[in-house]
């Protein structure tokens, strides 16, 4: 069973084969709406992701939404399954979701 692991930060050094999400998935550092990861369908990264039966993304709660959407767009493309989230691959998002602050509608920064 192949597992691709990624983290948003420091835990990459303690995960076997783990790397930061931006490094593992080739996510652009400056990311906009509708972005994709910068690997090709023929790249080693694409081959690894096609072989993986599980993708674990630790510290996902600290990641920008656009980065997750970029991986989703890229996975749909390389898997050829545009109708399924992440091209049909199982993705586990980990992290401490209690660290995420609630959204206060019409709130100000203070």
N, C-alpha and C. Protein backbone atom coordinates (compact mmCIF):
# COMPACT_ATOMS: atom_id res chain seq x y z
N UNK A 1 0.85 -1.17 0.00
CA UNK A 1 0.00 0.00 0.00
C UNK A 1 0.90 1.24 0.00
N UNK A 2 0.68 2.11 -0.93
CA UNK A 2 1.44 3.36 -0.99
C UNK A 2 0.65 4.46 -0.30
N UNK A 3 1.36 5.26 0.48
CA UNK A 3 0.73 6.37 1.20
C UNK A 3 1.57 7.61 0.95
N UNK A 4 0.96 8.67 0.47
CA UNK A 4 1.64 9.95 0.32
C UNK A 4 1.29 10.78 1.54
N UNK A 5 2.31 11.28 2.23
CA UNK A 5 2.07 12.08 3.42
C UNK A 5 2.57 13.49 3.21
N UNK A 6 1.89 14.44 3.80
CA UNK A 6 2.30 15.84 3.71
C UNK A 6 1.85 16.55 4.97
N UNK A 7 2.51 17.61 5.27
CA UNK A 7 2.14 18.42 6.41
C UNK A 7 2.37 19.88 6.05
N UNK A 8 1.73 20.76 6.76
CA UNK A 8 1.90 22.18 6.49
C UNK A 8 3.12 22.76 7.18
N UNK A 9 3.78 21.98 8.01
CA UNK A 9 4.90 22.56 8.72
C UNK A 9 5.86 21.57 9.31
N UNK A 10 6.22 21.78 10.56
CA UNK A 10 7.34 21.12 11.21
C UNK A 10 7.18 19.61 11.37
N UNK A 11 5.95 19.06 11.40
CA UNK A 11 5.77 17.62 11.64
C UNK A 11 6.29 16.77 10.51
N UNK A 12 6.67 17.38 9.34
CA UNK A 12 7.17 16.61 8.20
C UNK A 12 8.42 15.84 8.58
N UNK A 13 9.24 16.35 9.55
CA UNK A 13 10.49 15.67 9.91
C UNK A 13 10.25 14.40 10.70
N UNK A 14 9.02 14.22 11.28
CA UNK A 14 8.77 13.02 12.07
C UNK A 14 7.88 12.01 11.36
N UNK A 15 7.35 12.34 10.20
CA UNK A 15 6.51 11.41 9.46
C UNK A 15 7.38 10.63 8.49
N UNK A 16 7.26 9.30 8.46
CA UNK A 16 8.06 8.52 7.51
C UNK A 16 7.77 8.93 6.08
N UNK A 17 8.77 9.41 5.39
CA UNK A 17 8.58 9.85 4.01
C UNK A 17 7.79 11.13 3.89
N UNK A 18 7.51 11.78 5.01
CA UNK A 18 6.69 12.99 5.01
C UNK A 18 7.45 14.20 4.52
N UNK A 19 6.76 15.08 3.86
CA UNK A 19 7.32 16.34 3.39
C UNK A 19 6.25 17.41 3.55
N UNK A 20 6.64 18.65 3.39
CA UNK A 20 5.63 19.70 3.47
C UNK A 20 4.67 19.56 2.29
N UNK A 21 3.44 20.01 2.48
CA UNK A 21 2.44 19.89 1.42
C UNK A 21 2.87 20.63 0.16
N UNK A 22 3.44 21.82 0.32
CA UNK A 22 3.86 22.58 -0.86
C UNK A 22 4.96 21.86 -1.62
N UNK A 23 5.84 21.19 -0.90
CA UNK A 23 6.92 20.44 -1.54
C UNK A 23 6.40 19.15 -2.18
N UNK A 24 5.62 18.37 -1.45
CA UNK A 24 5.12 17.08 -1.94
C UNK A 24 4.20 17.24 -3.15
N UNK A 25 3.27 18.19 -3.07
CA UNK A 25 2.26 18.34 -4.11
C UNK A 25 2.58 19.43 -5.12
N UNK A 26 3.73 20.07 -4.97
CA UNK A 26 4.16 21.14 -5.89
C UNK A 26 3.11 22.24 -5.98
N UNK A 27 2.64 22.67 -4.80
CA UNK A 27 1.65 23.74 -4.72
C UNK A 27 2.39 25.07 -4.86
N UNK A 28 1.93 25.95 -5.75
CA UNK A 28 2.58 27.26 -5.88
C UNK A 28 2.50 28.04 -4.56
N UNK A 29 3.55 28.79 -4.23
CA UNK A 29 3.54 29.57 -3.00
C UNK A 29 2.56 30.73 -3.08
N UNK A 30 2.50 31.39 -4.22
CA UNK A 30 1.51 32.44 -4.44
C UNK A 30 0.36 31.80 -5.21
N UNK A 31 -0.75 31.59 -4.53
CA UNK A 31 -1.83 30.79 -5.12
C UNK A 31 -3.10 31.62 -5.26
N UNK A 32 -3.79 31.42 -6.37
CA UNK A 32 -5.03 32.13 -6.66
C UNK A 32 -6.16 31.12 -6.85
N UNK A 33 -7.37 31.63 -7.00
CA UNK A 33 -8.53 30.78 -7.27
C UNK A 33 -8.31 29.99 -8.56
N UNK A 34 -8.71 28.74 -8.57
CA UNK A 34 -8.62 27.91 -9.77
C UNK A 34 -7.23 27.41 -10.10
N UNK A 35 -6.29 27.57 -9.17
CA UNK A 35 -4.90 27.14 -9.41
C UNK A 35 -4.80 25.63 -9.41
N UNK A 36 -3.73 25.14 -10.00
CA UNK A 36 -3.41 23.72 -9.97
C UNK A 36 -1.99 23.57 -9.46
N UNK A 37 -1.64 22.36 -9.07
CA UNK A 37 -0.28 22.07 -8.64
C UNK A 37 0.63 22.05 -9.87
N UNK A 38 1.91 22.33 -9.65
CA UNK A 38 2.81 22.46 -10.79
C UNK A 38 3.57 21.16 -11.09
N UNK A 39 2.84 20.05 -11.19
CA UNK A 39 3.44 18.81 -11.69
C UNK A 39 2.66 18.37 -12.92
N UNK A 40 3.33 17.63 -13.80
CA UNK A 40 2.68 17.16 -15.02
C UNK A 40 2.13 15.76 -14.82
N UNK A 41 1.30 15.31 -15.76
CA UNK A 41 0.72 13.97 -15.66
C UNK A 41 1.79 12.89 -15.75
N UNK A 42 2.93 13.21 -16.36
CA UNK A 42 3.99 12.23 -16.55
C UNK A 42 5.07 12.30 -15.46
N UNK A 43 4.96 13.20 -14.53
CA UNK A 43 6.01 13.41 -13.52
C UNK A 43 6.01 12.30 -12.48
N UNK A 44 7.09 12.25 -11.72
CA UNK A 44 7.20 11.29 -10.62
C UNK A 44 6.17 11.55 -9.54
N UNK A 45 5.87 12.81 -9.30
CA UNK A 45 4.85 13.16 -8.30
C UNK A 45 3.49 12.60 -8.72
N UNK A 46 3.14 12.77 -9.99
CA UNK A 46 1.87 12.25 -10.50
C UNK A 46 1.83 10.73 -10.39
N UNK A 47 2.95 10.07 -10.70
CA UNK A 47 3.01 8.61 -10.60
C UNK A 47 2.81 8.17 -9.16
N UNK A 48 3.48 8.84 -8.20
CA UNK A 48 3.33 8.52 -6.78
C UNK A 48 1.88 8.69 -6.34
N UNK A 49 1.25 9.78 -6.74
CA UNK A 49 -0.13 10.05 -6.32
C UNK A 49 -1.11 9.07 -6.95
N UNK A 50 -0.85 8.63 -8.19
CA UNK A 50 -1.71 7.62 -8.82
C UNK A 50 -1.59 6.28 -8.09
N UNK A 51 -0.38 5.94 -7.62
CA UNK A 51 -0.16 4.67 -6.92
C UNK A 51 -0.69 4.69 -5.49
N UNK A 52 -0.75 5.87 -4.88
CA UNK A 52 -1.15 5.97 -3.47
C UNK A 52 -2.59 5.54 -3.27
N UNK A 53 -2.81 4.76 -2.23
CA UNK A 53 -4.18 4.39 -1.89
C UNK A 53 -4.75 5.32 -0.83
N UNK A 54 -3.88 6.11 -0.21
CA UNK A 54 -4.29 7.02 0.85
C UNK A 54 -3.36 8.22 0.86
N UNK A 55 -3.92 9.41 0.99
CA UNK A 55 -3.13 10.64 1.12
C UNK A 55 -3.45 11.23 2.49
N UNK A 56 -2.42 11.43 3.30
CA UNK A 56 -2.60 12.01 4.63
C UNK A 56 -2.02 13.40 4.63
N UNK A 57 -2.85 14.39 4.94
CA UNK A 57 -2.42 15.79 4.97
C UNK A 57 -2.57 16.27 6.41
N UNK A 58 -1.46 16.34 7.13
CA UNK A 58 -1.48 16.77 8.52
C UNK A 58 -1.44 18.30 8.57
N UNK A 59 -1.92 18.85 9.65
CA UNK A 59 -2.00 20.31 9.84
C UNK A 59 -2.78 20.98 8.72
N UNK A 60 -3.79 20.30 8.20
CA UNK A 60 -4.60 20.84 7.11
C UNK A 60 -5.41 22.06 7.56
N UNK A 61 -5.70 22.14 8.84
CA UNK A 61 -6.48 23.27 9.34
C UNK A 61 -5.72 24.59 9.22
N UNK A 62 -4.41 24.52 9.04
CA UNK A 62 -3.60 25.72 8.93
C UNK A 62 -3.28 26.07 7.47
N UNK A 63 -3.91 25.38 6.54
CA UNK A 63 -3.63 25.55 5.12
C UNK A 63 -4.69 26.41 4.46
N UNK A 64 -4.27 27.21 3.50
CA UNK A 64 -5.24 28.02 2.75
C UNK A 64 -6.15 27.11 1.92
N UNK A 65 -7.39 27.53 1.82
CA UNK A 65 -8.38 26.78 1.05
C UNK A 65 -7.93 26.58 -0.39
N UNK A 66 -7.28 27.59 -0.98
CA UNK A 66 -6.86 27.51 -2.37
C UNK A 66 -5.82 26.41 -2.59
N UNK A 67 -5.01 26.09 -1.57
CA UNK A 67 -4.02 25.03 -1.70
C UNK A 67 -4.71 23.66 -1.78
N UNK A 68 -5.74 23.46 -0.96
CA UNK A 68 -6.50 22.21 -0.99
C UNK A 68 -7.22 22.10 -2.34
N UNK A 69 -7.80 23.20 -2.80
CA UNK A 69 -8.49 23.19 -4.08
C UNK A 69 -7.53 22.93 -5.24
N UNK A 70 -6.30 23.42 -5.15
CA UNK A 70 -5.30 23.16 -6.20
C UNK A 70 -4.99 21.67 -6.28
N UNK A 71 -4.83 21.01 -5.12
CA UNK A 71 -4.59 19.57 -5.13
C UNK A 71 -5.81 18.84 -5.69
N UNK A 72 -7.00 19.25 -5.29
CA UNK A 72 -8.23 18.63 -5.80
C UNK A 72 -8.28 18.75 -7.32
N UNK A 73 -8.03 19.94 -7.86
CA UNK A 73 -8.05 20.13 -9.31
C UNK A 73 -7.02 19.25 -10.01
N UNK A 74 -5.82 19.18 -9.45
CA UNK A 74 -4.75 18.39 -10.05
C UNK A 74 -5.03 16.89 -9.98
N UNK A 75 -5.56 16.44 -8.84
CA UNK A 75 -5.87 15.01 -8.70
C UNK A 75 -6.98 14.59 -9.65
N UNK A 76 -7.99 15.43 -9.81
CA UNK A 76 -9.07 15.13 -10.77
C UNK A 76 -8.49 14.98 -12.17
N UNK A 77 -7.50 15.84 -12.50
CA UNK A 77 -6.89 15.81 -13.82
C UNK A 77 -6.05 14.56 -14.04
N UNK A 78 -5.13 14.25 -13.11
CA UNK A 78 -4.24 13.11 -13.33
C UNK A 78 -4.95 11.77 -13.22
N UNK A 79 -6.03 11.72 -12.44
CA UNK A 79 -6.79 10.48 -12.30
C UNK A 79 -7.83 10.33 -13.41
N UNK A 80 -8.09 11.42 -14.13
CA UNK A 80 -9.09 11.36 -15.20
C UNK A 80 -10.50 11.19 -14.67
N UNK A 81 -10.72 11.57 -13.43
CA UNK A 81 -12.04 11.44 -12.80
C UNK A 81 -12.48 12.83 -12.33
N UNK A 82 -12.97 13.64 -13.25
CA UNK A 82 -13.34 15.01 -12.93
C UNK A 82 -14.63 15.10 -12.11
N UNK A 83 -15.35 13.97 -12.03
CA UNK A 83 -16.62 13.96 -11.30
C UNK A 83 -16.46 13.61 -9.82
N UNK A 84 -15.24 13.19 -9.41
CA UNK A 84 -15.03 12.78 -8.03
C UNK A 84 -14.03 13.69 -7.32
N UNK A 85 -14.30 14.03 -6.05
CA UNK A 85 -13.32 14.82 -5.30
C UNK A 85 -11.97 14.10 -5.25
N UNK A 86 -10.90 14.84 -5.48
CA UNK A 86 -9.54 14.32 -5.47
C UNK A 86 -9.38 13.13 -6.41
N UNK A 87 -10.16 13.11 -7.48
CA UNK A 87 -10.04 12.06 -8.48
C UNK A 87 -10.38 10.69 -7.95
N UNK A 88 -11.09 10.61 -6.83
CA UNK A 88 -11.48 9.34 -6.27
C UNK A 88 -10.52 8.81 -5.21
N UNK A 89 -9.44 9.51 -4.94
CA UNK A 89 -8.48 9.08 -3.91
C UNK A 89 -9.01 9.46 -2.52
N UNK A 90 -8.68 8.65 -1.54
CA UNK A 90 -9.04 8.94 -0.16
C UNK A 90 -8.01 9.90 0.42
N UNK A 91 -8.48 11.03 0.93
CA UNK A 91 -7.61 12.04 1.53
C UNK A 91 -8.05 12.25 2.98
N UNK A 92 -7.10 12.11 3.90
CA UNK A 92 -7.37 12.32 5.32
C UNK A 92 -6.73 13.64 5.72
N UNK A 93 -7.54 14.56 6.22
CA UNK A 93 -7.05 15.84 6.70
C UNK A 93 -6.91 15.77 8.21
N UNK A 94 -5.69 15.97 8.70
CA UNK A 94 -5.44 15.92 10.13
C UNK A 94 -5.06 17.28 10.66
N UNK A 95 -4.96 17.36 11.97
CA UNK A 95 -4.57 18.61 12.61
C UNK A 95 -5.50 18.93 13.75
N UNK A 96 -5.18 19.96 14.46
CA UNK A 96 -6.00 20.39 15.58
C UNK A 96 -6.96 21.48 15.10
N UNK A 97 -8.16 21.07 14.75
CA UNK A 97 -9.12 22.00 14.19
C UNK A 97 -9.66 22.97 15.24
N UNK A 98 -9.33 22.76 16.51
CA UNK A 98 -9.72 23.71 17.55
C UNK A 98 -8.89 24.99 17.47
N UNK A 99 -7.76 24.93 16.74
CA UNK A 99 -6.92 26.12 16.60
C UNK A 99 -7.47 27.12 15.60
N UNK A 100 -8.45 26.71 14.81
CA UNK A 100 -9.03 27.57 13.79
C UNK A 100 -10.07 28.48 14.44
N UNK A 101 -9.90 29.77 14.23
CA UNK A 101 -10.84 30.72 14.83
C UNK A 101 -12.16 30.72 14.08
N UNK A 102 -13.26 30.94 14.79
CA UNK A 102 -14.56 30.99 14.13
C UNK A 102 -14.70 32.25 13.28
N UNK A 103 -15.54 32.15 12.25
CA UNK A 103 -15.81 33.30 11.39
C UNK A 103 -16.91 34.13 12.04
N UNK A 104 -16.66 35.42 12.22
CA UNK A 104 -17.66 36.33 12.77
C UNK A 104 -18.13 37.21 11.63
N UNK A 105 -19.36 36.99 11.19
CA UNK A 105 -19.90 37.76 10.06
C UNK A 105 -19.94 39.25 10.39
N UNK A 106 -19.49 40.05 9.44
CA UNK A 106 -19.44 41.49 9.55
C UNK A 106 -18.60 41.96 10.74
N UNK A 107 -17.71 41.11 11.17
CA UNK A 107 -16.83 41.45 12.29
C UNK A 107 -15.64 42.27 11.80
N UNK A 108 -15.01 42.97 12.72
CA UNK A 108 -13.80 43.71 12.39
C UNK A 108 -12.61 42.98 13.00
N UNK A 109 -11.41 43.35 12.62
CA UNK A 109 -10.23 42.65 13.08
C UNK A 109 -10.10 42.62 14.61
N UNK A 110 -10.35 43.72 15.31
CA UNK A 110 -10.25 43.68 16.78
C UNK A 110 -11.30 42.76 17.36
